[in-house]
Amino acid sequence: MKHILTILALVLTVGVAHAAKPEGQAPEKGAKKGGDRKGPARPEGVDEATWKKFQDAMKAAQNDDAVKAAKAKAAEAKTEEEKREAGKAVREATKAAVLKADASLAEVFAKLEAANKGKGGDKGKGGEKKKKKAE
């Protein structure tokens, strides 16, 4: 279950802007890639109070029956395709649970998705986009 939460957090963080170090500055010794954040970075345009409300709603959504069922199914997934589909189902169930609790948080999801748009969408596709463009 801990792994699924980690995967969900990673999926939500893909492509979200990170604070960049000035050019030429070496990373700190012992610093981990991505820092010590535990979830996605707050997207641009989302105030601190709304972000806190979003984080609290995400935590509460973990107790939703649909989210629990999706996570249980994800734990049983064996193939990469099943894992990918199960991960998507967990994300969708979590989003639905959050929006059911507070529909005003749709704006936060929209901004997260906009920040992630075009980032990492071709992973594992083996150049299928290039093939389609060539046709």
C-alpha atoms as a PDB file:
ATOM      1  CA  MET A   1       0.000   0.000   0.000  1.00  0.00           C
ATOM      2  CA  LYS A   2       2.903   2.310   0.773  1.00  0.00           C
ATOM      3  CA  HIS A   3       4.238   1.700  -2.740  1.00  0.00           C
ATOM      4  CA  ILE A   4       0.964   2.669  -4.344  1.00  0.00           C
ATOM      5  CA  LEU A   5       0.923   5.962  -2.453  1.00  0.00           C
ATOM      6  CA  THR A   6       4.473   6.587  -3.574  1.00  0.00           C
ATOM      7  CA  ILE A   7       3.538   5.828  -7.184  1.00  0.00           C
ATOM      8  CA  LEU A   8       0.545   8.148  -6.964  1.00  0.00           C
ATOM      9  CA  ALA A   9       2.724  10.930  -5.580  1.00  0.00           C
ATOM     10  CA  LEU A  10       5.311  10.381  -8.317  1.00  0.00           C
ATOM     11  CA  VAL A  11       2.710  10.416 -11.052  1.00  0.00           C
ATOM     12  CA  LEU A  12       1.337  13.685  -9.780  1.00  0.00           C
ATOM     13  CA  THR A  13       4.807  15.228  -9.626  1.00  0.00           C
ATOM     14  CA  VAL A  14       5.875  14.397 -13.164  1.00  0.00           C
ATOM     15  CA  GLY A  15       6.637  17.592 -14.952  1.00  0.00           C
ATOM     16  CA  VAL A  16       5.780  19.924 -12.110  1.00  0.00           C
ATOM     17  CA  ALA A  17       8.268  22.791 -12.053  1.00  0.00           C
ATOM     18  CA  HIS A  18      11.001  22.427  -9.474  1.00  0.00           C
ATOM     19  CA  ALA A  19      13.085  25.203  -8.028  1.00  0.00           C
ATOM     20  CA  ALA A  20      16.176  25.297 -10.212  1.00  0.00           C
ATOM     21  CA  LYS A  21      19.707  25.880  -8.958  1.00  0.00           C
ATOM     22  CA  PRO A  22      21.598  28.749 -10.576  1.00  0.00           C
ATOM     23  CA  GLU A  23      23.707  27.677 -13.540  1.00  0.00           C
ATOM     24  CA  GLY A  24      27.119  26.410 -12.636  1.00  0.00           C
ATOM     25  CA  GLN A  25      26.203  25.609  -9.054  1.00  0.00           C
ATOM     26  CA  ALA A  26      26.905  22.011  -8.123  1.00  0.00           C
ATOM     27  CA  PRO A  27      24.239  20.028  -6.308  1.00  0.00           C
ATOM     28  CA  GLU A  28      24.700  19.717  -2.571  1.00  0.00           C
ATOM     29  CA  LYS A  29      26.620  16.682  -1.402  1.00  0.00           C
ATOM     30  CA  GLY A  30      24.314  13.899  -0.320  1.00  0.00           C
ATOM     31  CA  ALA A  31      21.293  15.654  -1.802  1.00  0.00           C
ATOM     32  CA  LYS A  32      18.730  13.286  -3.232  1.00  0.00           C
ATOM     33  CA  LYS A  33      17.260  13.840  -6.650  1.00  0.00           C
ATOM     34  CA  GLY A  34      13.964  15.667  -6.187  1.00  0.00           C
ATOM     35  CA  GLY A  35      14.822  16.784  -2.662  1.00  0.00           C
ATOM     36  CA  ASP A  36      12.948  15.532   0.351  1.00  0.00           C
ATOM     37  CA  ARG A  37       9.454  16.446  -0.811  1.00  0.00           C
ATOM     38  CA  LYS A  38       6.699  13.983  -0.034  1.00  0.00           C
ATOM     39  CA  GLY A  39       4.267  14.912  -2.786  1.00  0.00           C
ATOM     40  CA  PRO A  40       3.752  17.068  -5.828  1.00  0.00           C
ATOM     41  CA  ALA A  41       4.957  20.643  -5.795  1.00  0.00           C
ATOM     42  CA  ARG A  42       2.319  23.351  -5.580  1.00  0.00           C
ATOM     43  CA  PRO A  43       1.533  24.421  -9.138  1.00  0.00           C
ATOM     44  CA  GLU A  44       1.778  28.036 -10.167  1.00  0.00           C
ATOM     45  CA  GLY A  45      -1.374  29.997  -9.468  1.00  0.00           C
ATOM     46  CA  VAL A  46      -2.532  27.931  -6.472  1.00  0.00           C
ATOM     47  CA  ASP A  47      -2.422  29.811  -3.191  1.00  0.00           C
ATOM     48  CA  GLU A  48      -1.060  28.223  -0.013  1.00  0.00           C
ATOM     49  CA  ALA A  49      -4.474  27.874   1.663  1.00  0.00           C
ATOM     50  CA  THR A  50      -5.987  26.082  -1.347  1.00  0.00           C
ATOM     51  CA  TRP A  51      -2.936  23.838  -1.620  1.00  0.00           C
ATOM     52  CA  LYS A  52      -3.238  22.884   2.054  1.00  0.00           C
ATOM     53  CA  LYS A  53      -6.932  22.101   1.538  1.00  0.00           C
ATOM     54  CA  PHE A  54      -5.987  19.982  -1.510  1.00  0.00           C
ATOM     55  CA  GLN A  55      -3.355  18.037   0.435  1.00  0.00           C
ATOM     56  CA  ASP A  56      -5.785  17.383   3.273  1.00  0.00           C
ATOM     57  CA  ALA A  57      -8.426  16.198   0.795  1.00  0.00           C
ATOM     58  CA  MET A  58      -5.892  13.867  -0.861  1.00  0.00           C
ATOM     59  CA  LYS A  59      -5.108  12.304   2.515  1.00  0.00           C
ATOM     60  CA  ALA A  60      -8.802  11.923   3.338  1.00  0.00           C
ATOM     61  CA  ALA A  61      -9.460  10.363  -0.079  1.00  0.00           C
ATOM     62  CA  GLN A  62      -7.219   7.449   0.855  1.00  0.00           C
ATOM     63  CA  ASN A  63     -10.033   6.225   3.140  1.00  0.00           C
ATOM     64  CA  ASP A  64     -12.636   6.252   0.346  1.00  0.00           C
ATOM     65  CA  ASP A  65     -13.994   2.792  -0.512  1.00  0.00           C
ATOM     66  CA  ALA A  66     -13.460   3.246  -4.261  1.00  0.00           C
ATOM     67  CA  VAL A  67      -9.840   4.272  -3.704  1.00  0.00           C
ATOM     68  CA  LYS A  68      -9.238   1.305  -1.413  1.00  0.00           C
ATOM     69  CA  ALA A  69     -10.767  -1.057  -3.997  1.00  0.00           C
ATOM     70  CA  ALA A  70      -8.635   0.431  -6.792  1.00  0.00           C
ATOM     71  CA  LYS A  71      -5.500   0.050  -4.665  1.00  0.00           C
ATOM     72  CA  ALA A  72      -6.359  -3.561  -3.857  1.00  0.00           C
ATOM     73  CA  LYS A  73      -6.760  -4.289  -7.563  1.00  0.00           C
ATOM     74  CA  ALA A  74      -3.485  -2.507  -8.299  1.00  0.00           C
ATOM     75  CA  ALA A  75      -1.712  -4.687  -5.749  1.00  0.00           C
ATOM     76  CA  GLU A  76      -2.846  -7.755  -7.706  1.00  0.00           C
ATOM     77  CA  ALA A  77      -1.662  -6.444 -11.090  1.00  0.00           C
ATOM     78  CA  LYS A  78       1.045  -8.578 -12.635  1.00  0.00           C
ATOM     79  CA  THR A  79       1.856  -7.322 -16.122  1.00  0.00           C
ATOM     80  CA  GLU A  80       3.112  -3.839 -16.937  1.00  0.00           C
ATOM     81  CA  GLU A  81      -0.123  -3.106 -18.799  1.00  0.00           C
ATOM     82  CA  GLU A  82      -2.228  -4.215 -15.814  1.00  0.00           C
ATOM     83  CA  LYS A  83      -0.074  -2.096 -13.482  1.00  0.00           C
ATOM     84  CA  ARG A  84      -0.403   0.925 -15.752  1.00  0.00           C
ATOM     85  CA  GLU A  85      -4.190   0.547 -15.975  1.00  0.00           C
ATOM     86  CA  ALA A  86      -4.487  -0.082 -12.229  1.00  0.00           C
ATOM     87  CA  GLY A  87      -2.408   3.016 -11.473  1.00  0.00           C
ATOM     88  CA  LYS A  88      -4.662   5.055 -13.711  1.00  0.00           C
ATOM     89  CA  ALA A  89      -7.716   3.650 -11.900  1.00  0.00           C
ATOM     90  CA  VAL A  90      -6.212   4.607  -8.514  1.00  0.00           C
ATOM     91  CA  ARG A  91      -5.533   8.151  -9.718  1.00  0.00           C
ATOM     92  CA  GLU A  92      -9.044   8.496 -11.141  1.00  0.00           C
ATOM     93  CA  ALA A  93     -10.667   7.106  -7.978  1.00  0.00           C
ATOM     94  CA  THR A  94      -8.574   9.444  -5.825  1.00  0.00           C
ATOM     95  CA  LYS A  95      -9.475  12.437  -7.968  1.00  0.00           C
ATOM     96  CA  ALA A  96     -13.179  11.504  -7.837  1.00  0.00           C
ATOM     97  CA  ALA A  97     -13.043  11.151  -4.046  1.00  0.00           C
ATOM     98  CA  VAL A  98     -11.349  14.533  -3.654  1.00  0.00           C
ATOM     99  CA  LEU A  99     -13.830  16.257  -5.956  1.00  0.00           C
ATOM    100  CA  LYS A 100     -16.742  14.554  -4.202  1.00  0.00           C
ATOM    101  CA  ALA A 101     -15.507  16.020  -0.918  1.00  0.00           C
ATOM    102  CA  ASP A 102     -14.771  19.483  -2.361  1.00  0.00           C
ATOM    103  CA  ALA A 103     -15.612  20.313  -5.972  1.00  0.00           C
ATOM    104  CA  SER A 104     -13.723  23.613  -5.740  1.00  0.00           C
ATOM    105  CA  LEU A 105     -10.457  21.645  -5.899  1.00  0.00           C
ATOM    106  CA  ALA A 106     -11.051  20.861  -9.593  1.00  0.00           C
ATOM    107  CA  GLU A 107      -8.986  23.965 -10.330  1.00  0.00           C
ATOM    108  CA  VAL A 108      -5.979  22.444  -8.558  1.00  0.00           C
ATOM    109  CA  PHE A 109      -6.259  19.216 -10.585  1.00  0.00           C
ATOM    110  CA  ALA A 110      -6.539  21.271 -13.779  1.00  0.00           C
ATOM    111  CA  LYS A 111      -3.393  23.209 -12.923  1.00  0.00           C
ATOM    112  CA  LEU A 112      -1.490  20.027 -12.015  1.00  0.00           C
ATOM    113  CA  GLU A 113      -2.543  18.411 -15.292  1.00  0.00           C
ATOM    114  CA  ALA A 114      -1.580  21.544 -17.241  1.00  0.00           C
ATOM    115  CA  ALA A 115       1.844  21.536 -15.585  1.00  0.00           C
ATOM    116  CA  ASN A 116       2.261  17.857 -16.464  1.00  0.00           C
ATOM    117  CA  LYS A 117       0.918  18.115 -20.020  1.00  0.00           C
ATOM    118  CA  GLY A 118       3.390  16.780 -22.530  1.00  0.00           C
ATOM    119  CA  LYS A 119       5.750  15.506 -19.843  1.00  0.00           C
ATOM    120  CA  GLY A 120       6.502  11.792 -19.850  1.00  0.00           C
ATOM    121  CA  GLY A 121       3.543  10.867 -22.022  1.00  0.00           C
ATOM    122  CA  ASP A 122       5.653   8.805 -24.438  1.00  0.00           C
ATOM    123  CA  LYS A 123       7.419   6.618 -21.908  1.00  0.00           C
ATOM    124  CA  GLY A 124       7.631   3.081 -23.175  1.00  0.00           C
ATOM    125  CA  LYS A 125       6.004   3.876 -26.514  1.00  0.00           C
ATOM    126  CA  GLY A 126       9.132   3.066 -28.514  1.00  0.00           C
ATOM    127  CA  GLY A 127       8.815   5.940 -30.949  1.00  0.00           C
ATOM    128  CA  GLU A 128       5.191   5.347 -31.926  1.00  0.00           C
ATOM    129  CA  LYS A 129       4.676   9.107 -32.367  1.00  0.00           C
ATOM    130  CA  LYS A 130       7.549   9.268 -34.842  1.00  0.00           C
ATOM    131  CA  LYS A 131       6.054   6.369 -36.797  1.00  0.00           C
ATOM    132  CA  LYS A 132       2.655   8.074 -36.923  1.00  0.00           C
ATOM    133  CA  LYS A 133       4.197  11.341 -38.127  1.00  0.00           C
ATOM    134  CA  ALA A 134       6.078   9.521 -40.863  1.00  0.00           C
ATOM    135  CA  GLU A 135       2.877   7.965 -42.255  1.00  0.00           C
END
